[in-house]
Amino acid sequence: MSTLSTRPAAGPDVDVKPDVDAGGKADADMKSVLSSFCTGVAVVTACGSDGRPVAMAVQSFSSVSLDPPLVCFCPARTSTSWPGIRAAGAFAVNILAADQEGLCRRFAVTGGDKFAGVPWRAGGNGAPLLDGVLATVECTLEDVLDGGDHAIVLGRVTALAAHREGAPLLYFRRTYGRLPRSGAPEPSAPGGTAIPSRSESMAAARSRSEA
């Protein structure tokens, strides 16, 4: 499994984010402790007002409600991609598979043409649907709530589909990884540290809590 930089800006949901602020050690401790919560990874995409696609990688995606059908994600207010997604008024959530770490890294940075060489097609709401992902969820922007240094974005689901079987890409303590097979840790790339097998039970518990 590839190890990410310990600098918070390297992870999903961010694009650009300064180092630990004046809050000091308390902020660093909070980031360190909460990084123990294993999450999946997704890429949120939209069609910008200029017709060009815009996207960002997120680890904060979650289901919210079945009736009405709502989901959420939480971009940093310093994100350079979020303003374009917000202006579009509609977006798609592309849920990444374990073999798509490289794709995630492409969309987790700022600047450049993130879509260069990435195959995709337009969804029903115009947002890019990336090839090879596990599933896609198309949404209209329902509301944006204050979440401190992040925004809490609610999306109303208008279409969704599962595209293939496979293990999800995971993010745990600033590293990417995958679920182990038969209890044996499985790194996502040579030379890394595998996510402990408890991540499987954590993911299952999260799924139950969202049902």
N, C-alpha and C. Protein backbone atom coordinates (compact mmCIF):
# COMPACT_ATOMS: atom_id res chain seq x y z
N MET A 1 0.83 -1.19 0.00
CA MET A 1 0.00 0.00 0.00
C MET A 1 0.87 1.23 0.00
N SER A 2 0.57 2.17 -0.82
CA SER A 2 1.35 3.40 -0.89
C SER A 2 1.04 4.28 0.30
N THR A 3 2.05 4.85 0.90
CA THR A 3 1.86 5.74 2.03
C THR A 3 1.79 7.17 1.55
N LEU A 4 0.76 7.88 1.99
CA LEU A 4 0.60 9.28 1.62
C LEU A 4 1.49 10.15 2.48
N SER A 5 1.72 11.35 2.04
CA SER A 5 2.42 12.34 2.85
C SER A 5 1.62 12.60 4.11
N THR A 6 2.30 12.86 5.22
CA THR A 6 1.59 13.18 6.46
C THR A 6 1.03 14.59 6.44
N ARG A 7 1.35 15.36 5.43
CA ARG A 7 0.77 16.70 5.29
C ARG A 7 -0.69 16.57 4.91
N PRO A 8 -1.64 17.14 5.69
CA PRO A 8 -3.06 16.94 5.46
C PRO A 8 -3.51 17.25 4.04
N ALA A 9 -2.83 18.12 3.32
CA ALA A 9 -3.26 18.51 1.98
C ALA A 9 -3.22 17.37 0.98
N ALA A 10 -2.58 16.23 1.33
CA ALA A 10 -2.43 15.13 0.39
C ALA A 10 -3.70 14.31 0.24
N GLY A 11 -4.65 14.44 1.16
CA GLY A 11 -5.80 13.56 1.15
C GLY A 11 -6.96 14.05 0.34
N PRO A 12 -8.00 13.19 0.18
CA PRO A 12 -9.21 13.60 -0.52
C PRO A 12 -9.94 14.72 0.24
N ASP A 13 -10.92 15.33 -0.40
CA ASP A 13 -11.77 16.38 0.17
C ASP A 13 -11.08 17.73 0.26
N VAL A 14 -9.82 17.83 -0.15
CA VAL A 14 -9.05 19.01 0.18
C VAL A 14 -8.72 19.88 -1.02
N ASP A 15 -8.04 19.36 -2.03
CA ASP A 15 -7.47 20.11 -3.14
C ASP A 15 -6.31 20.97 -2.64
N VAL A 16 -6.62 22.01 -1.86
CA VAL A 16 -5.57 22.85 -1.29
C VAL A 16 -5.96 23.14 0.15
N LYS A 17 -5.01 22.93 1.06
CA LYS A 17 -5.29 23.20 2.46
C LYS A 17 -3.99 23.50 3.19
N PRO A 18 -3.96 24.52 4.00
CA PRO A 18 -2.73 24.85 4.69
C PRO A 18 -2.36 23.82 5.74
N ASP A 19 -1.12 23.87 6.21
CA ASP A 19 -0.69 23.02 7.31
C ASP A 19 -1.46 23.39 8.57
N VAL A 20 -1.23 22.60 9.66
CA VAL A 20 -1.94 22.82 10.91
C VAL A 20 -1.95 24.31 11.26
N ASP A 21 -3.13 24.85 11.54
CA ASP A 21 -3.25 26.28 11.76
C ASP A 21 -2.92 26.65 13.20
N ALA A 22 -3.29 27.87 13.57
CA ALA A 22 -2.93 28.38 14.88
C ALA A 22 -3.60 27.62 16.01
N GLY A 23 -4.57 26.77 15.70
CA GLY A 23 -5.18 25.94 16.73
C GLY A 23 -4.18 25.02 17.38
N GLY A 24 -3.08 24.76 16.68
CA GLY A 24 -1.97 24.03 17.28
C GLY A 24 -2.22 22.55 17.47
N LYS A 25 -1.71 22.04 18.59
CA LYS A 25 -1.68 20.61 18.84
C LYS A 25 -3.08 20.00 18.88
N ALA A 26 -4.08 20.72 19.39
CA ALA A 26 -5.43 20.17 19.46
C ALA A 26 -5.94 19.82 18.08
N ASP A 27 -5.69 20.68 17.08
CA ASP A 27 -6.11 20.40 15.71
C ASP A 27 -5.38 19.19 15.16
N ALA A 28 -4.08 19.13 15.41
CA ALA A 28 -3.29 18.00 14.92
C ALA A 28 -3.76 16.70 15.55
N ASP A 29 -4.06 16.73 16.85
CA ASP A 29 -4.54 15.53 17.54
C ASP A 29 -5.88 15.07 16.97
N MET A 30 -6.76 16.02 16.69
CA MET A 30 -8.07 15.67 16.15
C MET A 30 -7.92 14.99 14.80
N LYS A 31 -7.06 15.55 13.94
CA LYS A 31 -6.83 14.96 12.63
C LYS A 31 -6.26 13.56 12.76
N SER A 32 -5.31 13.39 13.69
CA SER A 32 -4.66 12.10 13.87
C SER A 32 -5.64 11.04 14.37
N VAL A 33 -6.44 11.40 15.37
CA VAL A 33 -7.39 10.43 15.93
C VAL A 33 -8.47 10.07 14.92
N LEU A 34 -9.04 11.06 14.25
CA LEU A 34 -10.12 10.79 13.31
C LEU A 34 -9.64 10.07 12.06
N SER A 35 -8.34 10.09 11.80
CA SER A 35 -7.82 9.33 10.66
C SER A 35 -7.91 7.83 10.91
N SER A 36 -8.23 7.44 12.16
CA SER A 36 -8.40 6.02 12.48
C SER A 36 -9.73 5.47 11.97
N PHE A 37 -10.59 6.36 11.48
CA PHE A 37 -11.87 5.91 10.92
C PHE A 37 -11.68 5.62 9.44
N CYS A 38 -11.83 4.37 9.06
CA CYS A 38 -11.61 3.95 7.68
C CYS A 38 -12.80 4.35 6.81
N THR A 39 -12.52 4.94 5.65
CA THR A 39 -13.60 5.35 4.74
C THR A 39 -13.34 4.82 3.33
N GLY A 40 -14.36 4.87 2.53
CA GLY A 40 -14.20 4.65 1.11
C GLY A 40 -13.76 5.95 0.47
N VAL A 41 -13.54 5.92 -0.84
CA VAL A 41 -13.10 7.10 -1.57
C VAL A 41 -13.94 7.24 -2.83
N ALA A 42 -14.30 8.47 -3.16
CA ALA A 42 -15.10 8.74 -4.34
C ALA A 42 -14.58 9.99 -5.04
N VAL A 43 -14.97 10.16 -6.29
CA VAL A 43 -14.67 11.38 -7.03
C VAL A 43 -15.99 12.05 -7.38
N VAL A 44 -16.14 13.29 -6.92
CA VAL A 44 -17.34 14.07 -7.22
C VAL A 44 -17.06 14.89 -8.48
N THR A 45 -17.93 14.77 -9.46
CA THR A 45 -17.73 15.44 -10.74
C THR A 45 -18.93 16.32 -11.09
N ALA A 46 -18.68 17.30 -11.95
CA ALA A 46 -19.76 18.16 -12.44
C ALA A 46 -19.32 18.75 -13.77
N CYS A 47 -20.28 19.32 -14.48
CA CYS A 47 -20.00 20.03 -15.72
C CYS A 47 -20.01 21.51 -15.40
N GLY A 48 -18.86 22.16 -15.54
CA GLY A 48 -18.73 23.55 -15.18
C GLY A 48 -19.55 24.47 -16.08
N SER A 49 -19.68 25.71 -15.65
CA SER A 49 -20.47 26.68 -16.41
C SER A 49 -19.87 26.95 -17.78
N ASP A 50 -18.57 26.68 -17.94
CA ASP A 50 -17.92 26.88 -19.23
C ASP A 50 -17.95 25.62 -20.09
N GLY A 51 -18.67 24.60 -19.60
CA GLY A 51 -18.79 23.35 -20.34
C GLY A 51 -17.68 22.35 -20.09
N ARG A 52 -16.67 22.76 -19.32
CA ARG A 52 -15.57 21.86 -19.03
C ARG A 52 -15.84 21.10 -17.73
N PRO A 53 -15.39 19.83 -17.65
CA PRO A 53 -15.64 19.05 -16.42
C PRO A 53 -14.78 19.53 -15.26
N VAL A 54 -15.32 19.40 -14.06
CA VAL A 54 -14.62 19.75 -12.84
C VAL A 54 -14.82 18.60 -11.86
N ALA A 55 -13.83 18.35 -11.01
CA ALA A 55 -13.95 17.20 -10.10
C ALA A 55 -13.02 17.33 -8.91
N MET A 56 -13.33 16.59 -7.85
CA MET A 56 -12.47 16.49 -6.69
C MET A 56 -12.66 15.13 -6.03
N ALA A 57 -11.59 14.60 -5.44
CA ALA A 57 -11.66 13.35 -4.70
C ALA A 57 -12.15 13.64 -3.29
N VAL A 58 -13.01 12.76 -2.75
CA VAL A 58 -13.55 12.95 -1.41
C VAL A 58 -13.53 11.63 -0.65
N GLN A 59 -13.38 11.74 0.66
CA GLN A 59 -13.54 10.57 1.52
C GLN A 59 -14.75 10.75 2.45
N SER A 60 -15.40 11.90 2.34
CA SER A 60 -16.50 12.24 3.25
C SER A 60 -17.87 11.88 2.70
N PHE A 61 -17.94 11.19 1.57
CA PHE A 61 -19.23 10.85 0.98
C PHE A 61 -20.00 9.90 1.90
N SER A 62 -21.30 10.13 2.02
CA SER A 62 -22.14 9.28 2.87
C SER A 62 -23.60 9.37 2.43
N SER A 63 -24.33 8.28 2.67
CA SER A 63 -25.78 8.35 2.49
C SER A 63 -26.38 9.10 3.68
N VAL A 64 -27.49 9.77 3.45
CA VAL A 64 -28.13 10.56 4.49
C VAL A 64 -29.56 10.10 4.74
N SER A 65 -30.35 9.95 3.67
CA SER A 65 -31.77 9.65 3.81
C SER A 65 -32.26 8.84 2.62
N LEU A 66 -33.20 7.93 2.90
CA LEU A 66 -33.85 7.18 1.82
C LEU A 66 -35.09 7.91 1.32
N ASP A 67 -35.78 8.63 2.20
CA ASP A 67 -37.01 9.33 1.82
C ASP A 67 -37.02 10.71 2.48
N PRO A 68 -36.62 11.74 1.73
CA PRO A 68 -36.21 11.74 0.32
C PRO A 68 -34.81 11.15 0.17
N PRO A 69 -34.45 10.76 -1.06
CA PRO A 69 -33.13 10.15 -1.26
C PRO A 69 -32.03 11.22 -1.26
N LEU A 70 -31.26 11.28 -0.17
CA LEU A 70 -30.23 12.29 -0.01
C LEU A 70 -28.88 11.66 0.31
N VAL A 71 -27.83 12.27 -0.20
CA VAL A 71 -26.46 11.90 0.14
C VAL A 71 -25.72 13.19 0.50
N CYS A 72 -24.49 13.04 1.00
CA CYS A 72 -23.73 14.24 1.33
C CYS A 72 -22.24 14.01 1.12
N PHE A 73 -21.51 15.11 1.01
CA PHE A 73 -20.06 15.11 1.08
C PHE A 73 -19.63 16.46 1.63
N CYS A 74 -18.38 16.55 2.08
CA CYS A 74 -17.94 17.74 2.80
C CYS A 74 -16.63 18.29 2.25
N PRO A 75 -16.69 19.17 1.26
CA PRO A 75 -15.46 19.76 0.72
C PRO A 75 -14.91 20.84 1.64
N ALA A 76 -13.57 20.98 1.65
CA ALA A 76 -12.95 22.07 2.41
C ALA A 76 -13.31 23.40 1.76
N ARG A 77 -13.46 24.42 2.57
CA ARG A 77 -13.78 25.74 2.02
C ARG A 77 -12.62 26.29 1.19
N THR A 78 -11.43 25.74 1.37
CA THR A 78 -10.27 26.16 0.59
C THR A 78 -10.17 25.40 -0.73
N SER A 79 -11.08 24.47 -0.98
CA SER A 79 -11.03 23.69 -2.22
C SER A 79 -11.16 24.60 -3.44
N THR A 80 -10.36 24.34 -4.45
CA THR A 80 -10.46 25.10 -5.69
C THR A 80 -11.46 24.50 -6.66
N SER A 81 -11.91 23.27 -6.39
CA SER A 81 -12.86 22.60 -7.29
C SER A 81 -14.31 22.77 -6.84
N TRP A 82 -14.53 22.89 -5.54
CA TRP A 82 -15.88 22.97 -5.02
C TRP A 82 -16.69 24.14 -5.61
N PRO A 83 -16.14 25.35 -5.77
CA PRO A 83 -16.95 26.43 -6.34
C PRO A 83 -17.54 26.08 -7.70
N GLY A 84 -16.78 25.39 -8.55
CA GLY A 84 -17.29 25.00 -9.86
C GLY A 84 -18.40 23.97 -9.77
N ILE A 85 -18.26 23.04 -8.82
CA ILE A 85 -19.29 22.02 -8.61
C ILE A 85 -20.56 22.67 -8.08
N ARG A 86 -20.40 23.61 -7.15
CA ARG A 86 -21.57 24.29 -6.59
C ARG A 86 -22.30 25.09 -7.66
N ALA A 87 -21.55 25.78 -8.49
CA ALA A 87 -22.16 26.59 -9.54
C ALA A 87 -22.93 25.75 -10.55
N ALA A 88 -22.51 24.51 -10.75
CA ALA A 88 -23.17 23.62 -11.71
C ALA A 88 -24.57 23.24 -11.25
N GLY A 89 -24.78 23.15 -9.94
CA GLY A 89 -26.10 22.80 -9.41
C GLY A 89 -26.44 21.33 -9.50
N ALA A 90 -25.56 20.53 -10.07
CA ALA A 90 -25.77 19.09 -10.18
C ALA A 90 -24.40 18.43 -10.21
N PHE A 91 -24.32 17.20 -9.72
CA PHE A 91 -23.03 16.52 -9.67
C PHE A 91 -23.24 15.01 -9.68
N ALA A 92 -22.14 14.30 -9.85
CA ALA A 92 -22.16 12.84 -9.79
C ALA A 92 -21.08 12.38 -8.82
N VAL A 93 -21.39 11.34 -8.07
CA VAL A 93 -20.42 10.72 -7.16
C VAL A 93 -19.97 9.41 -7.79
N ASN A 94 -18.68 9.30 -8.05
CA ASN A 94 -18.10 8.10 -8.65
C ASN A 94 -17.36 7.33 -7.56
N ILE A 95 -17.86 6.16 -7.20
CA ILE A 95 -17.29 5.37 -6.10
C ILE A 95 -16.16 4.50 -6.64
N LEU A 96 -14.95 4.70 -6.10
CA LEU A 96 -13.76 4.09 -6.66
C LEU A 96 -13.52 2.67 -6.17
N ALA A 97 -12.93 1.87 -7.06
CA ALA A 97 -12.54 0.50 -6.75
C ALA A 97 -11.10 0.46 -6.23
N ALA A 98 -10.73 -0.67 -5.64
CA ALA A 98 -9.40 -0.80 -5.04
C ALA A 98 -8.27 -0.62 -6.04
N ASP A 99 -8.53 -0.89 -7.32
CA ASP A 99 -7.49 -0.76 -8.33
C ASP A 99 -7.45 0.64 -8.96
N GLN A 100 -8.12 1.61 -8.33
CA GLN A 100 -8.17 2.96 -8.90
C GLN A 100 -7.49 4.01 -8.02
N GLU A 101 -6.47 3.60 -7.26
CA GLU A 101 -5.74 4.55 -6.44
C GLU A 101 -5.12 5.66 -7.29
N GLY A 102 -4.58 5.29 -8.44
CA GLY A 102 -3.98 6.29 -9.31
C GLY A 102 -4.98 7.33 -9.76
N LEU A 103 -6.20 6.88 -10.04
CA LEU A 103 -7.25 7.81 -10.45
C LEU A 103 -7.59 8.76 -9.31
N CYS A 104 -7.65 8.23 -8.10
CA CYS A 104 -7.93 9.07 -6.94
C CYS A 104 -6.86 10.13 -6.76
N ARG A 105 -5.60 9.75 -6.87
CA ARG A 105 -4.50 10.70 -6.70
C ARG A 105 -4.57 11.81 -7.75
N ARG A 106 -5.00 11.47 -8.94
CA ARG A 106 -5.13 12.47 -10.00
C ARG A 106 -6.14 13.55 -9.61
N PHE A 107 -7.26 13.14 -9.01
CA PHE A 107 -8.31 14.09 -8.68
C PHE A 107 -8.16 14.71 -7.29
N ALA A 108 -7.14 14.27 -6.52
CA ALA A 108 -6.94 14.80 -5.17
C ALA A 108 -5.97 15.96 -5.14
N VAL A 109 -5.49 16.39 -6.30
CA VAL A 109 -4.55 17.51 -6.35
C VAL A 109 -5.22 18.70 -7.04
N THR A 110 -4.59 19.85 -6.91
CA THR A 110 -5.13 21.04 -7.53
C THR A 110 -4.37 21.39 -8.80
N GLY A 111 -5.04 22.08 -9.69
CA GLY A 111 -4.40 22.56 -10.91
C GLY A 111 -4.30 21.50 -11.99
N GLY A 112 -4.00 21.94 -13.20
CA GLY A 112 -3.84 21.04 -14.32
C GLY A 112 -5.16 20.49 -14.83
N ASP A 113 -5.07 19.69 -15.88
CA ASP A 113 -6.25 19.07 -16.46
C ASP A 113 -6.42 17.69 -15.85
N LYS A 114 -7.26 17.60 -14.83
CA LYS A 114 -7.46 16.33 -14.13
C LYS A 114 -8.05 15.25 -15.02
N PHE A 115 -8.77 15.65 -16.06
CA PHE A 115 -9.46 14.68 -16.90
C PHE A 115 -8.63 14.22 -18.11
N ALA A 116 -7.43 14.73 -18.25
CA ALA A 116 -6.59 14.36 -19.40
C ALA A 116 -6.34 12.85 -19.40
N GLY A 117 -6.77 12.18 -20.47
CA GLY A 117 -6.56 10.75 -20.59
C GLY A 117 -7.49 9.89 -19.79
N VAL A 118 -8.46 10.49 -19.09
CA VAL A 118 -9.41 9.73 -18.26
C VAL A 118 -10.70 9.52 -19.05
N PRO A 119 -11.06 8.28 -19.36
CA PRO A 119 -12.30 8.04 -20.09
C PRO A 119 -13.54 8.26 -19.23
N TRP A 120 -14.52 8.96 -19.78
CA TRP A 120 -15.76 9.21 -19.05
C TRP A 120 -16.87 9.50 -20.05
N ARG A 121 -18.09 9.47 -19.56
CA ARG A 121 -19.26 9.81 -20.37
C ARG A 121 -20.15 10.71 -19.52
N ALA A 122 -20.96 11.50 -20.17
CA ALA A 122 -21.86 12.40 -19.45
C ALA A 122 -23.05 11.64 -18.89
N GLY A 123 -23.39 11.91 -17.65
CA GLY A 123 -24.56 11.32 -17.05
C GLY A 123 -25.82 12.07 -17.46
N GLY A 124 -26.94 11.66 -16.92
CA GLY A 124 -28.21 12.30 -17.25
C GLY A 124 -28.25 13.76 -16.87
N ASN A 125 -27.51 14.14 -15.83
CA ASN A 125 -27.48 15.55 -15.41
C ASN A 125 -26.27 16.30 -15.97
N GLY A 126 -25.55 15.65 -16.88
CA GLY A 126 -24.40 16.28 -17.51
C GLY A 126 -23.07 16.06 -16.81
N ALA A 127 -23.10 15.58 -15.58
CA ALA A 127 -21.87 15.36 -14.82
C ALA A 127 -21.11 14.15 -15.36
N PRO A 128 -19.79 14.19 -15.39
CA PRO A 128 -19.00 13.06 -15.88
C PRO A 128 -19.15 11.81 -15.02
N LEU A 129 -19.36 10.69 -15.69
CA LEU A 129 -19.36 9.37 -15.05
C LEU A 129 -18.08 8.69 -15.50
N LEU A 130 -17.19 8.39 -14.56
CA LEU A 130 -15.88 7.84 -14.88
C LEU A 130 -15.97 6.36 -15.21
N ASP A 131 -15.22 5.92 -16.20
CA ASP A 131 -15.20 4.51 -16.57
C ASP A 131 -14.51 3.68 -15.48
N GLY A 132 -15.03 2.48 -15.26
CA GLY A 132 -14.37 1.53 -14.37
C GLY A 132 -14.67 1.66 -12.91
N VAL A 133 -15.52 2.62 -12.51
CA VAL A 133 -15.82 2.77 -11.09
C VAL A 133 -16.83 1.71 -10.64
N LEU A 134 -16.92 1.51 -9.33
CA LEU A 134 -17.85 0.52 -8.80
C LEU A 134 -19.29 0.95 -9.00
N ALA A 135 -19.56 2.23 -8.78
CA ALA A 135 -20.93 2.73 -8.85
C ALA A 135 -20.93 4.23 -9.06
N THR A 136 -22.05 4.75 -9.54
CA THR A 136 -22.21 6.19 -9.71
C THR A 136 -23.55 6.62 -9.11
N VAL A 137 -23.56 7.82 -8.55
CA VAL A 137 -24.77 8.40 -7.97
C VAL A 137 -24.90 9.82 -8.51
N GLU A 138 -25.95 10.06 -9.28
CA GLU A 138 -26.18 11.39 -9.84
C GLU A 138 -27.13 12.18 -8.94
N CYS A 139 -26.83 13.45 -8.75
CA CYS A 139 -27.58 14.27 -7.80
C CYS A 139 -27.79 15.69 -8.30
N THR A 140 -28.85 16.31 -7.78
CA THR A 140 -28.99 17.75 -7.88
C THR A 140 -28.60 18.34 -6.53
N LEU A 141 -28.08 19.54 -6.54
CA LEU A 141 -27.65 20.17 -5.30
C LEU A 141 -28.88 20.56 -4.48
N GLU A 142 -29.04 19.97 -3.31
CA GLU A 142 -30.21 20.20 -2.46
C GLU A 142 -29.97 21.36 -1.49
N ASP A 143 -28.81 21.37 -0.84
CA ASP A 143 -28.54 22.42 0.16
C ASP A 143 -27.05 22.40 0.49
N VAL A 144 -26.57 23.51 0.99
CA VAL A 144 -25.19 23.61 1.47
C VAL A 144 -25.25 24.19 2.88
N LEU A 145 -24.77 23.43 3.85
CA LEU A 145 -24.82 23.82 5.25
C LEU A 145 -23.44 24.22 5.74
N ASP A 146 -23.42 25.02 6.81
CA ASP A 146 -22.16 25.45 7.39
C ASP A 146 -21.54 24.32 8.19
N GLY A 147 -20.30 23.96 7.86
CA GLY A 147 -19.58 22.93 8.60
C GLY A 147 -18.23 23.44 9.06
N GLY A 148 -18.16 24.68 9.51
CA GLY A 148 -16.89 25.24 9.96
C GLY A 148 -15.97 25.48 8.79
N ASP A 149 -14.78 24.85 8.81
CA ASP A 149 -13.85 25.04 7.70
C ASP A 149 -14.16 24.15 6.50
N HIS A 150 -15.27 23.43 6.58
CA HIS A 150 -15.79 22.65 5.46
C HIS A 150 -17.25 23.05 5.21
N ALA A 151 -17.73 22.73 4.03
CA ALA A 151 -19.16 22.86 3.73
C ALA A 151 -19.77 21.47 3.80
N ILE A 152 -21.02 21.39 4.22
CA ILE A 152 -21.76 20.12 4.24
C ILE A 152 -22.74 20.18 3.08
N VAL A 153 -22.47 19.41 2.05
CA VAL A 153 -23.23 19.47 0.81
C VAL A 153 -24.25 18.33 0.76
N LEU A 154 -25.52 18.69 0.65
CA LEU A 154 -26.58 17.70 0.50
C LEU A 154 -26.98 17.60 -0.96
N GLY A 155 -27.05 16.38 -1.47
CA GLY A 155 -27.47 16.15 -2.84
C GLY A 155 -28.69 15.26 -2.89
N ARG A 156 -29.65 15.60 -3.75
CA ARG A 156 -30.83 14.75 -3.94
C ARG A 156 -30.56 13.80 -5.09
N VAL A 157 -30.66 12.52 -4.81
CA VAL A 157 -30.33 11.50 -5.81
C VAL A 157 -31.38 11.47 -6.92
N THR A 158 -30.91 11.56 -8.16
CA THR A 158 -31.81 11.50 -9.32
C THR A 158 -31.60 10.24 -10.15
N ALA A 159 -30.44 9.62 -10.01
CA ALA A 159 -30.15 8.37 -10.72
C ALA A 159 -28.95 7.73 -10.05
N LEU A 160 -28.91 6.41 -10.08
CA LEU A 160 -27.76 5.71 -9.51
C LEU A 160 -27.64 4.33 -10.12
N ALA A 161 -26.42 3.79 -10.15
CA ALA A 161 -26.19 2.49 -10.76
C ALA A 161 -24.92 1.86 -10.22
N ALA A 162 -24.95 0.53 -10.05
CA ALA A 162 -23.75 -0.24 -9.73
C ALA A 162 -23.21 -0.77 -11.06
N HIS A 163 -21.92 -0.60 -11.31
CA HIS A 163 -21.37 -0.92 -12.62
C HIS A 163 -20.54 -2.19 -12.67
N ARG A 164 -19.94 -2.57 -11.56
CA ARG A 164 -19.15 -3.81 -11.58
C ARG A 164 -18.92 -4.30 -10.16
N GLU A 165 -18.59 -5.58 -10.03
CA GLU A 165 -18.23 -6.14 -8.74
C GLU A 165 -16.77 -5.80 -8.46
N GLY A 166 -16.40 -5.77 -7.21
CA GLY A 166 -15.02 -5.51 -6.86
C GLY A 166 -14.90 -4.90 -5.48
N ALA A 167 -13.68 -4.92 -4.96
CA ALA A 167 -13.42 -4.33 -3.64
C ALA A 167 -13.29 -2.82 -3.76
N PRO A 168 -13.65 -2.08 -2.71
CA PRO A 168 -13.56 -0.62 -2.76
C PRO A 168 -12.15 -0.13 -2.43
N LEU A 169 -11.83 1.06 -2.90
CA LEU A 169 -10.62 1.74 -2.46
C LEU A 169 -10.90 2.34 -1.09
N LEU A 170 -9.97 2.15 -0.16
CA LEU A 170 -10.15 2.63 1.21
C LEU A 170 -9.09 3.67 1.56
N TYR A 171 -9.39 4.47 2.57
CA TYR A 171 -8.46 5.50 3.05
C TYR A 171 -8.42 5.40 4.57
N PHE A 172 -7.23 5.16 5.12
CA PHE A 172 -7.09 4.88 6.56
C PHE A 172 -5.74 5.40 7.04
N ARG A 173 -5.76 6.30 8.00
CA ARG A 173 -4.54 6.87 8.56
C ARG A 173 -3.57 7.36 7.48
N ARG A 174 -4.13 8.14 6.57
CA ARG A 174 -3.39 8.80 5.49
C ARG A 174 -2.75 7.83 4.51
N THR A 175 -3.30 6.63 4.41
CA THR A 175 -2.83 5.69 3.39
C THR A 175 -4.03 5.12 2.64
N TYR A 176 -3.81 4.77 1.38
CA TYR A 176 -4.83 4.07 0.61
C TYR A 176 -4.63 2.57 0.80
N GLY A 177 -5.72 1.81 0.69
CA GLY A 177 -5.62 0.37 0.82
C GLY A 177 -6.86 -0.32 0.33
N ARG A 178 -6.93 -1.62 0.60
CA ARG A 178 -8.06 -2.44 0.17
C ARG A 178 -8.37 -3.46 1.23
N LEU A 179 -9.54 -4.06 1.14
CA LEU A 179 -9.92 -5.09 2.08
C LEU A 179 -9.03 -6.30 1.91
N PRO A 180 -8.70 -6.99 3.03
CA PRO A 180 -7.89 -8.20 2.92
C PRO A 180 -8.71 -9.36 2.38
N ARG A 181 -8.04 -10.32 1.79
CA ARG A 181 -8.70 -11.54 1.33
C ARG A 181 -8.45 -12.65 2.34
N SER A 182 -9.52 -13.27 2.81
CA SER A 182 -9.41 -14.39 3.75
C SER A 182 -8.53 -14.07 4.95
N GLY A 183 -8.63 -12.84 5.43
CA GLY A 183 -7.89 -12.46 6.63
C GLY A 183 -6.45 -12.10 6.39
N ALA A 184 -5.95 -12.24 5.15
CA ALA A 184 -4.56 -11.90 4.86
C ALA A 184 -4.48 -10.46 4.39
N PRO A 185 -3.70 -9.61 5.04
CA PRO A 185 -3.58 -8.21 4.60
C PRO A 185 -3.13 -8.13 3.15
N GLU A 186 -3.73 -7.21 2.42
CA GLU A 186 -3.41 -7.07 1.00
C GLU A 186 -3.09 -5.62 0.69
N PRO A 187 -1.81 -5.30 0.42
CA PRO A 187 -1.45 -3.93 0.10
C PRO A 187 -1.96 -3.53 -1.27
N SER A 188 -2.19 -2.23 -1.47
CA SER A 188 -2.65 -1.74 -2.76
C SER A 188 -1.48 -1.46 -3.68
N ALA A 189 -0.27 -1.40 -3.14
CA ALA A 189 0.93 -1.18 -3.95
C ALA A 189 2.11 -1.77 -3.21
N PRO A 190 3.16 -2.20 -3.90
CA PRO A 190 4.32 -2.81 -3.25
C PRO A 190 4.95 -1.89 -2.22
N GLY A 191 5.41 -2.51 -1.12
CA GLY A 191 6.20 -1.77 -0.14
C GLY A 191 5.41 -0.98 0.88
N GLY A 192 4.09 -1.07 0.86
CA GLY A 192 3.29 -0.28 1.79
C GLY A 192 2.82 -1.09 2.97
N THR A 193 2.03 -0.45 3.82
CA THR A 193 1.47 -1.09 5.00
C THR A 193 0.00 -1.33 4.77
N ALA A 194 -0.44 -2.58 4.92
CA ALA A 194 -1.83 -2.92 4.63
C ALA A 194 -2.75 -2.43 5.72
N ILE A 195 -3.97 -2.12 5.35
CA ILE A 195 -4.99 -1.78 6.33
C ILE A 195 -5.30 -3.01 7.16
N PRO A 196 -5.36 -2.92 8.48
CA PRO A 196 -5.65 -4.09 9.31
C PRO A 196 -6.98 -4.71 8.94
N SER A 197 -7.13 -6.00 9.23
CA SER A 197 -8.34 -6.71 8.84
C SER A 197 -9.58 -6.16 9.52
N ARG A 198 -9.41 -5.43 10.61
CA ARG A 198 -10.58 -4.86 11.27
C ARG A 198 -11.31 -3.85 10.38
N SER A 199 -10.63 -3.38 9.33
CA SER A 199 -11.28 -2.42 8.43
C SER A 199 -12.52 -3.03 7.79
N GLU A 200 -12.53 -4.35 7.62
CA GLU A 200 -13.68 -5.00 7.02
C GLU A 200 -14.90 -4.86 7.91
N SER A 201 -14.71 -5.08 9.23
CA SER A 201 -15.83 -4.95 10.15
C SER A 201 -16.25 -3.50 10.30
N MET A 202 -15.28 -2.56 10.23
CA MET A 202 -15.60 -1.14 10.32
C MET A 202 -16.46 -0.72 9.15
N ALA A 203 -16.10 -1.19 7.94
CA ALA A 203 -16.86 -0.84 6.76
C ALA A 203 -18.26 -1.40 6.84
N ALA A 204 -18.38 -2.63 7.35
CA ALA A 204 -19.70 -3.25 7.47
C ALA A 204 -20.57 -2.51 8.47
N ALA A 205 -19.96 -2.08 9.57
CA ALA A 205 -20.72 -1.34 10.58
C ALA A 205 -21.22 -0.02 10.02
N ARG A 206 -20.37 0.65 9.24
CA ARG A 206 -20.78 1.92 8.63
C ARG A 206 -21.93 1.72 7.68
N SER A 207 -21.88 0.63 6.91
CA SER A 207 -22.95 0.34 5.97
C SER A 207 -24.26 0.13 6.69
N ARG A 208 -24.22 -0.61 7.79
CA ARG A 208 -25.45 -0.86 8.56
C ARG A 208 -26.02 0.44 9.12
N SER A 209 -25.13 1.35 9.57
CA SER A 209 -25.60 2.59 10.18
C SER A 209 -26.27 3.49 9.15
N GLU A 210 -25.95 3.32 7.87
CA GLU A 210 -26.51 4.18 6.83
C GLU A 210 -27.79 3.61 6.23
N ALA A 211 -28.09 2.35 6.54
CA ALA A 211 -29.24 1.70 5.90
C ALA A 211 -30.56 2.28 6.40
